């Protein structure tokens, strides 16, 4: 794929098509990897983004209870001391 270099203020850059952005799930940032004679753009994902808010909401609703009993509740842990 050939891209044109364009002027962006005092810098230069290139545009990615909407199709590429959607296909590779590119959001706000990409990682630029310099490898031999290649420039590699890698989408940056944040798989845990929003978890803190979600956990707070779960706690407020009481949805953060254990799904099974604590396995150490009735165990003697003396051998680990």
PDB file of N, CA and C in Angstrom:
ATOM      1  N   UNK A   1       0.845  -1.166   0.000  1.00  0.00           N
ATOM      2  CA  UNK A   1       0.000   0.000   0.000  1.00  0.00           C
ATOM      3  C   UNK A   1       0.894   1.235   0.000  1.00  0.00           C
ATOM      4  N   UNK A   2       0.593   2.166  -0.835  1.00  0.00           N
ATOM      5  CA  UNK A   2       1.358   3.393  -0.924  1.00  0.00           C
ATOM      6  C   UNK A   2       0.595   4.526  -0.251  1.00  0.00           C
ATOM      7  N   UNK A   3       1.298   5.276   0.621  1.00  0.00           N
ATOM      8  CA  UNK A   3       0.707   6.414   1.315  1.00  0.00           C
ATOM      9  C   UNK A   3       1.506   7.668   0.987  1.00  0.00           C
ATOM     10  N   UNK A   4       0.823   8.784   0.870  1.00  0.00           N
ATOM     11  CA  UNK A   4       1.497  10.060   0.640  1.00  0.00           C
ATOM     12  C   UNK A   4       1.859  10.699   1.971  1.00  0.00           C
ATOM     13  N   UNK A   5       3.043  11.308   2.007  1.00  0.00           N
ATOM     14  CA  UNK A   5       3.475  12.050   3.188  1.00  0.00           C
ATOM     15  C   UNK A   5       2.888  13.453   3.073  1.00  0.00           C
ATOM     16  N   UNK A   6       2.260  13.923   4.159  1.00  0.00           N
ATOM     17  CA  UNK A   6       1.598  15.233   4.137  1.00  0.00           C
ATOM     18  C   UNK A   6       2.186  16.133   5.225  1.00  0.00           C
ATOM     19  N   UNK A   7       2.062  17.425   5.031  1.00  0.00           N
ATOM     20  CA  UNK A   7       2.522  18.408   6.006  1.00  0.00           C
ATOM     21  C   UNK A   7       1.498  18.522   7.137  1.00  0.00           C
ATOM     22  N   UNK A   8       1.963  18.427   8.383  1.00  0.00           N
ATOM     23  CA  UNK A   8       1.106  18.596   9.559  1.00  0.00           C
ATOM     24  C   UNK A   8       1.827  19.575  10.477  1.00  0.00           C
ATOM     25  N   UNK A   9       1.497  20.856  10.359  1.00  0.00           N
ATOM     26  CA  UNK A   9       2.208  21.882  11.121  1.00  0.00           C
ATOM     27  C   UNK A   9       3.661  21.909  10.699  1.00  0.00           C
ATOM     28  N   UNK A  10       4.579  21.806  11.662  1.00  0.00           N
ATOM     29  CA  UNK A  10       6.012  21.770  11.349  1.00  0.00           C
ATOM     30  C   UNK A  10       6.504  20.354  11.093  1.00  0.00           C
ATOM     31  N   UNK A  11       5.617  19.381  11.194  1.00  0.00           N
ATOM     32  CA  UNK A  11       5.979  17.978  11.018  1.00  0.00           C
ATOM     33  C   UNK A  11       5.392  17.438   9.732  1.00  0.00           C
ATOM     34  N   UNK A  12       5.679  16.179   9.475  1.00  0.00           N
ATOM     35  CA  UNK A  12       5.071  15.486   8.346  1.00  0.00           C
ATOM     36  C   UNK A  12       4.485  14.180   8.868  1.00  0.00           C
ATOM     37  N   UNK A  13       3.488  13.680   8.162  1.00  0.00           N
ATOM     38  CA  UNK A  13       2.844  12.446   8.585  1.00  0.00           C
ATOM     39  C   UNK A  13       2.107  11.821   7.435  1.00  0.00           C
ATOM     40  N   UNK A  14       1.293  10.830   7.739  1.00  0.00           N
ATOM     41  CA  UNK A  14       0.464  10.189   6.721  1.00  0.00           C
ATOM     42  C   UNK A  14      -0.875   9.839   7.332  1.00  0.00           C
ATOM     43  N   UNK A  15      -1.854   9.632   6.481  1.00  0.00           N
ATOM     44  CA  UNK A  15      -3.206   9.286   6.927  1.00  0.00           C
ATOM     45  C   UNK A  15      -3.470   7.820   6.654  1.00  0.00           C
ATOM     46  N   UNK A  16      -4.200   7.212   7.587  1.00  0.00           N
ATOM     47  CA  UNK A  16      -4.649   5.831   7.392  1.00  0.00           C
ATOM     48  C   UNK A  16      -6.123   5.860   7.032  1.00  0.00           C
ATOM     49  N   UNK A  17      -6.529   4.995   6.141  1.00  0.00           N
ATOM     50  CA  UNK A  17      -7.928   4.957   5.737  1.00  0.00           C
ATOM     51  C   UNK A  17      -8.802   4.424   6.870  1.00  0.00           C
ATOM     52  N   UNK A  18     -10.056   4.778   6.842  1.00  0.00           N
ATOM     53  CA  UNK A  18     -11.021   4.315   7.844  1.00  0.00           C
ATOM     54  C   UNK A  18     -11.080   2.787   7.850  1.00  0.00           C
ATOM     55  N   UNK A  19     -10.961   2.191   6.675  1.00  0.00           N
ATOM     56  CA  UNK A  19     -11.000   0.730   6.554  1.00  0.00           C
ATOM     57  C   UNK A  19      -9.870   0.084   7.350  1.00  0.00           C
ATOM     58  N   UNK A  20      -8.648   0.617   7.214  1.00  0.00           N
ATOM     59  CA  UNK A  20      -7.511   0.066   7.962  1.00  0.00           C
ATOM     60  C   UNK A  20      -7.679   0.280   9.460  1.00  0.00           C
ATOM     61  N   UNK A  21      -8.137   1.459   9.832  1.00  0.00           N
ATOM     62  CA  UNK A  21      -8.326   1.769  11.253  1.00  0.00           C
ATOM     63  C   UNK A  21      -9.333   0.815  11.881  1.00  0.00           C
ATOM     64  N   UNK A  22     -10.416   0.543  11.194  1.00  0.00           N
ATOM     65  CA  UNK A  22     -11.425  -0.373  11.728  1.00  0.00           C
ATOM     66  C   UNK A  22     -10.942  -1.815  11.705  1.00  0.00           C
ATOM     67  N   UNK A  23     -10.302  -2.225  10.606  1.00  0.00           N
ATOM     68  CA  UNK A  23      -9.843  -3.617  10.472  1.00  0.00           C
ATOM     69  C   UNK A  23      -8.851  -3.997  11.564  1.00  0.00           C
ATOM     70  N   UNK A  24      -7.934  -3.071  11.898  1.00  0.00           N
ATOM     71  CA  UNK A  24      -6.901  -3.375  12.883  1.00  0.00           C
ATOM     72  C   UNK A  24      -7.208  -2.786  14.260  1.00  0.00           C
ATOM     73  N   UNK A  25      -8.434  -2.329  14.442  1.00  0.00           N
ATOM     74  CA  UNK A  25      -8.909  -1.842  15.734  1.00  0.00           C
ATOM     75  C   UNK A  25      -7.976  -0.785  16.329  1.00  0.00           C
ATOM     76  N   UNK A  26      -7.607   0.190  15.501  1.00  0.00           N
ATOM     77  CA  UNK A  26      -6.732   1.265  15.949  1.00  0.00           C
ATOM     78  C   UNK A  26      -7.589   2.317  16.635  1.00  0.00           C
ATOM     79  N   UNK A  27      -7.215   2.673  17.853  1.00  0.00           N
ATOM     80  CA  UNK A  27      -7.976   3.670  18.621  1.00  0.00           C
ATOM     81  C   UNK A  27      -7.236   4.999  18.590  1.00  0.00           C
ATOM     82  N   UNK A  28      -6.668   5.420  19.711  1.00  0.00           N
ATOM     83  CA  UNK A  28      -6.029   6.727  19.814  1.00  0.00           C
ATOM     84  C   UNK A  28      -4.525   6.696  19.566  1.00  0.00           C
ATOM     85  N   UNK A  29      -3.900   5.559  19.804  1.00  0.00           N
ATOM     86  CA  UNK A  29      -2.445   5.486  19.705  1.00  0.00           C
ATOM     87  C   UNK A  29      -2.010   4.211  19.007  1.00  0.00           C
ATOM     88  N   UNK A  30      -0.810   4.271  18.405  1.00  0.00           N
ATOM     89  CA  UNK A  30      -0.155   3.091  17.852  1.00  0.00           C
ATOM     90  C   UNK A  30       1.278   3.086  18.361  1.00  0.00           C
ATOM     91  N   UNK A  31       1.862   1.910  18.412  1.00  0.00           N
ATOM     92  CA  UNK A  31       3.271   1.784  18.772  1.00  0.00           C
ATOM     93  C   UNK A  31       4.070   1.730  17.479  1.00  0.00           C
ATOM     94  N   UNK A  32       5.131   2.511  17.398  1.00  0.00           N
ATOM     95  CA  UNK A  32       6.000   2.510  16.232  1.00  0.00           C
ATOM     96  C   UNK A  32       7.208   1.649  16.552  1.00  0.00           C
ATOM     97  N   UNK A  33       7.403   0.578  15.774  1.00  0.00           N
ATOM     98  CA  UNK A  33       8.512  -0.343  15.973  1.00  0.00           C
ATOM     99  C   UNK A  33       9.461  -0.178  14.790  1.00  0.00           C
ATOM    100  N   UNK A  34      10.727   0.078  15.089  1.00  0.00           N
ATOM    101  CA  UNK A  34      11.751   0.206  14.052  1.00  0.00           C
ATOM    102  C   UNK A  34      12.504  -1.113  13.991  1.00  0.00           C
ATOM    103  N   UNK A  35      12.384  -1.821  12.888  1.00  0.00           N
ATOM    104  CA  UNK A  35      13.002  -3.136  12.769  1.00  0.00           C
ATOM    105  C   UNK A  35      13.693  -3.246  11.422  1.00  0.00           C
ATOM    106  N   UNK A  36      15.005  -3.345  11.468  1.00  0.00           N
ATOM    107  CA  UNK A  36      15.833  -3.386  10.265  1.00  0.00           C
ATOM    108  C   UNK A  36      15.478  -2.213   9.372  1.00  0.00           C
ATOM    109  N   UNK A  37      14.984  -2.450   8.194  1.00  0.00           N
ATOM    110  CA  UNK A  37      14.640  -1.359   7.284  1.00  0.00           C
ATOM    111  C   UNK A  37      13.141  -1.097   7.241  1.00  0.00           C
ATOM    112  N   UNK A  38      12.419  -1.525   8.291  1.00  0.00           N
ATOM    113  CA  UNK A  38      10.964  -1.416   8.289  1.00  0.00           C
ATOM    114  C   UNK A  38      10.459  -0.555   9.436  1.00  0.00           C
ATOM    115  N   UNK A  39       9.372   0.126   9.185  1.00  0.00           N
ATOM    116  CA  UNK A  39       8.606   0.815  10.219  1.00  0.00           C
ATOM    117  C   UNK A  39       7.343  -0.012  10.417  1.00  0.00           C
ATOM    118  N   UNK A  40       7.077  -0.424  11.629  1.00  0.00           N
ATOM    119  CA  UNK A  40       5.903  -1.246  11.921  1.00  0.00           C
ATOM    120  C   UNK A  40       4.993  -0.470  12.857  1.00  0.00           C
ATOM    121  N   UNK A  41       3.740  -0.335  12.489  1.00  0.00           N
ATOM    122  CA  UNK A  41       2.747   0.299  13.353  1.00  0.00           C
ATOM    123  C   UNK A  41       1.934  -0.799  14.009  1.00  0.00           C
ATOM    124  N   UNK A  42       1.868  -0.766  15.328  1.00  0.00           N
ATOM    125  CA  UNK A  42       1.128  -1.783  16.070  1.00  0.00           C
ATOM    126  C   UNK A  42       0.082  -1.084  16.929  1.00  0.00           C
ATOM    127  N   UNK A  43      -1.195  -1.458  16.788  1.00  0.00           N
ATOM    128  CA  UNK A  43      -2.229  -0.839  17.626  1.00  0.00           C
ATOM    129  C   UNK A  43      -1.939  -1.079  19.100  1.00  0.00           C
ATOM    130  N   UNK A  44      -2.164  -0.045  19.906  1.00  0.00           N
ATOM    131  CA  UNK A  44      -2.011  -0.174  21.355  1.00  0.00           C
ATOM    132  C   UNK A  44      -3.389  -0.456  21.927  1.00  0.00           C
ATOM    133  N   UNK A  45      -3.499  -1.569  22.603  1.00  0.00           N
ATOM    134  CA  UNK A  45      -4.789  -1.901  23.208  1.00  0.00           C
ATOM    135  C   UNK A  45      -4.698  -1.737  24.719  1.00  0.00           C
ATOM    136  N   UNK A  46      -5.791  -1.420  25.321  1.00  0.00           N
ATOM    137  CA  UNK A  46      -5.875  -1.277  26.775  1.00  0.00           C
ATOM    138  C   UNK A  46      -6.967  -2.223  27.263  1.00  0.00           C
ATOM    139  N   UNK A  47      -6.657  -3.518  27.328  1.00  0.00           N
ATOM    140  CA  UNK A  47      -7.702  -4.485  27.672  1.00  0.00           C
ATOM    141  C   UNK A  47      -8.312  -4.291  29.052  1.00  0.00           C
ATOM    142  N   UNK A  48      -7.595  -3.651  29.962  1.00  0.00           N
ATOM    143  CA  UNK A  48      -8.123  -3.463  31.322  1.00  0.00           C
ATOM    144  C   UNK A  48      -8.678  -2.066  31.544  1.00  0.00           C
ATOM    145  N   UNK A  49      -8.765  -1.285  30.485  1.00  0.00           N
ATOM    146  CA  UNK A  49      -9.287   0.066  30.610  1.00  0.00           C
ATOM    147  C   UNK A  49     -10.747   0.006  31.068  1.00  0.00           C
ATOM    148  N   UNK A  50     -11.071   0.757  32.087  1.00  0.00           N
ATOM    149  CA  UNK A  50     -12.439   0.792  32.595  1.00  0.00           C
ATOM    150  C   UNK A  50     -12.726  -0.238  33.668  1.00  0.00           C
ATOM    151  N   UNK A  51     -11.746  -1.094  33.972  1.00  0.00           N
ATOM    152  CA  UNK A  51     -11.975  -2.123  34.979  1.00  0.00           C
ATOM    153  C   UNK A  51     -12.232  -1.524  36.357  1.00  0.00           C
ATOM    154  N   UNK A  52     -11.494  -0.478  36.722  1.00  0.00           N
ATOM    155  CA  UNK A  52     -11.651   0.112  38.051  1.00  0.00           C
ATOM    156  C   UNK A  52     -13.089   0.578  38.268  1.00  0.00           C
ATOM    157  N   UNK A  53     -13.639   1.265  37.286  1.00  0.00           N
ATOM    158  CA  UNK A  53     -15.024   1.738  37.376  1.00  0.00           C
ATOM    159  C   UNK A  53     -15.990   0.560  37.449  1.00  0.00           C
ATOM    160  N   UNK A  54     -15.744  -0.455  36.623  1.00  0.00           N
ATOM    161  CA  UNK A  54     -16.619  -1.623  36.615  1.00  0.00           C
ATOM    162  C   UNK A  54     -16.591  -2.343  37.964  1.00  0.00           C
ATOM    163  N   UNK A  55     -15.401  -2.469  38.565  1.00  0.00           N
ATOM    164  CA  UNK A  55     -15.295  -3.133  39.864  1.00  0.00           C
ATOM    165  C   UNK A  55     -16.000  -2.342  40.956  1.00  0.00           C
ATOM    166  N   UNK A  56     -15.907  -1.013  40.895  1.00  0.00           N
ATOM    167  CA  UNK A  56     -16.607  -0.184  41.881  1.00  0.00           C
ATOM    168  C   UNK A  56     -18.117  -0.371  41.754  1.00  0.00           C
ATOM    169  N   UNK A  57     -18.610  -0.407  40.527  1.00  0.00           N
ATOM    170  CA  UNK A  57     -20.045  -0.620  40.307  1.00  0.00           C
ATOM    171  C   UNK A  57     -20.475  -1.996  40.796  1.00  0.00           C
ATOM    172  N   UNK A  58     -19.653  -3.020  40.546  1.00  0.00           N
ATOM    173  CA  UNK A  58     -19.965  -4.369  41.033  1.00  0.00           C
ATOM    174  C   UNK A  58     -20.064  -4.376  42.551  1.00  0.00           C
ATOM    175  N   UNK A  59     -19.126  -3.692  43.219  1.00  0.00           N
ATOM    176  CA  UNK A  59     -19.123  -3.639  44.671  1.00  0.00           C
ATOM    177  C   UNK A  59     -20.371  -2.952  45.197  1.00  0.00           C
ATOM    178  N   UNK A  60     -20.751  -1.840  44.568  1.00  0.00           N
ATOM    179  CA  UNK A  60     -21.939  -1.109  44.998  1.00  0.00           C
ATOM    180  C   UNK A  60     -23.202  -1.951  44.847  1.00  0.00           C
ATOM    181  N   UNK A  61     -23.251  -2.813  43.840  1.00  0.00           N
ATOM    182  CA  UNK A  61     -24.419  -3.664  43.596  1.00  0.00           C
ATOM    183  C   UNK A  61     -24.352  -4.985  44.364  1.00  0.00           C
ATOM    184  N   UNK A  62     -23.208  -5.247  45.012  1.00  0.00           N
ATOM    185  CA  UNK A  62     -23.043  -6.503  45.730  1.00  0.00           C
ATOM    186  C   UNK A  62     -22.751  -7.678  44.816  1.00  0.00           C
ATOM    187  N   UNK A  63     -22.274  -7.390  43.604  1.00  0.00           N
ATOM    188  CA  UNK A  63     -21.991  -8.447  42.631  1.00  0.00           C
ATOM    189  C   UNK A  63     -20.551  -8.940  42.696  1.00  0.00           C
ATOM    190  N   UNK A  64     -19.809  -8.558  43.730  1.00  0.00           N
ATOM    191  CA  UNK A  64     -18.399  -8.943  43.801  1.00  0.00           C
ATOM    192  C   UNK A  64     -18.149 -10.036  44.848  1.00  0.00           C
ATOM    193  N   UNK A  65     -19.136 -10.895  45.054  1.00  0.00           N
ATOM    194  CA  UNK A  65     -19.010 -11.991  46.016  1.00  0.00           C
ATOM    195  C   UNK A  65     -18.295 -13.169  45.363  1.00  0.00           C
ATOM    196  N   UNK A  66     -17.641 -13.980  46.204  1.00  0.00           N
ATOM    197  CA  UNK A  66     -16.972 -15.179  45.697  1.00  0.00           C
ATOM    198  C   UNK A  66     -18.005 -16.131  45.097  1.00  0.00           C
ATOM    199  N   UNK A  67     -17.625 -16.790  44.007  1.00  0.00           N
ATOM    200  CA  UNK A  67     -18.524 -17.745  43.366  1.00  0.00           C
ATOM    201  C   UNK A  67     -18.467 -19.121  44.038  1.00  0.00           C
ATOM    202  N   UNK A  68     -17.401 -19.396  44.777  1.00  0.00           N
ATOM    203  CA  UNK A  68     -17.288 -20.637  45.534  1.00  0.00           C
ATOM    204  C   UNK A  68     -16.593 -20.320  46.850  1.00  0.00           C
ATOM    205  N   UNK A  69     -16.760 -21.194  47.823  1.00  0.00           N
ATOM    206  CA  UNK A  69     -16.206 -20.954  49.151  1.00  0.00           C
ATOM    207  C   UNK A  69     -14.689 -20.884  49.121  1.00  0.00           C
ATOM    208  N   UNK A  70     -14.155 -20.125  50.052  1.00  0.00           N
ATOM    209  CA  UNK A  70     -12.710 -19.988  50.176  1.00  0.00           C
ATOM    210  C   UNK A  70     -12.117 -21.344  50.538  1.00  0.00           C
ATOM    211  N   UNK A  71     -11.183 -21.832  49.737  1.00  0.00           N
ATOM    212  CA  UNK A  71     -10.619 -23.167  49.963  1.00  0.00           C
ATOM    213  C   UNK A  71      -9.733 -23.228  51.202  1.00  0.00           C
ATOM    214  N   UNK A  72      -9.270 -22.094  51.700  1.00  0.00           N
ATOM    215  CA  UNK A  72      -8.392 -22.086  52.859  1.00  0.00           C
ATOM    216  C   UNK A  72      -9.127 -21.805  54.167  1.00  0.00           C
ATOM    217  N   UNK A  73     -10.421 -21.647  54.116  1.00  0.00           N
ATOM    218  CA  UNK A  73     -11.183 -21.285  55.305  1.00  0.00           C
ATOM    219  C   UNK A  73     -11.019 -22.303  56.430  1.00  0.00           C
ATOM    220  N   UNK A  74     -11.066 -23.579  56.112  1.00  0.00           N
ATOM    221  CA  UNK A  74     -10.987 -24.636  57.124  1.00  0.00           C
ATOM    222  C   UNK A  74      -9.632 -25.332  57.134  1.00  0.00           C
ATOM    223  N   UNK A  75      -8.688 -24.792  56.445  1.00  0.00           N
ATOM    224  CA  UNK A  75      -7.366 -25.414  56.360  1.00  0.00           C
ATOM    225  C   UNK A  75      -6.464 -24.964  57.496  1.00  0.00           C
ATOM    226  N   UNK A  76      -5.596 -25.846  57.923  1.00  0.00           N
ATOM    227  CA  UNK A  76      -4.569 -25.486  58.897  1.00  0.00           C
ATOM    228  C   UNK A  76      -3.334 -25.093  58.078  1.00  0.00           C
ATOM    229  N   UNK A  77      -2.886 -23.875  58.274  1.00  0.00           N
ATOM    230  CA  UNK A  77      -1.764 -23.376  57.493  1.00  0.00           C
ATOM    231  C   UNK A  77      -0.464 -23.402  58.290  1.00  0.00           C
ATOM    232  N   UNK A  78      -0.444 -24.186  59.373  1.00  0.00           N
ATOM    233  CA  UNK A  78       0.749 -24.254  60.221  1.00  0.00           C
ATOM    234  C   UNK A  78       1.973 -24.752  59.473  1.00  0.00           C
ATOM    235  N   UNK A  79       1.781 -25.667  58.545  1.00  0.00           N
ATOM    236  CA  UNK A  79       2.927 -26.232  57.817  1.00  0.00           C
ATOM    237  C   UNK A  79       3.615 -25.180  56.929  1.00  0.00           C
ATOM    238  N   UNK A  80       2.966 -24.062  56.665  1.00  0.00           N
ATOM    239  CA  UNK A  80       3.530 -23.030  55.825  1.00  0.00           C
ATOM    240  C   UNK A  80       4.330 -22.002  56.632  1.00  0.00           C
ATOM    241  N   UNK A  81       4.267 -22.072  57.950  1.00  0.00           N
ATOM    242  CA  UNK A  81       4.998 -21.107  58.799  1.00  0.00           C
ATOM    243  C   UNK A  81       6.431 -21.479  58.940  1.00  0.00           C
TER     244      UNK A  81
END
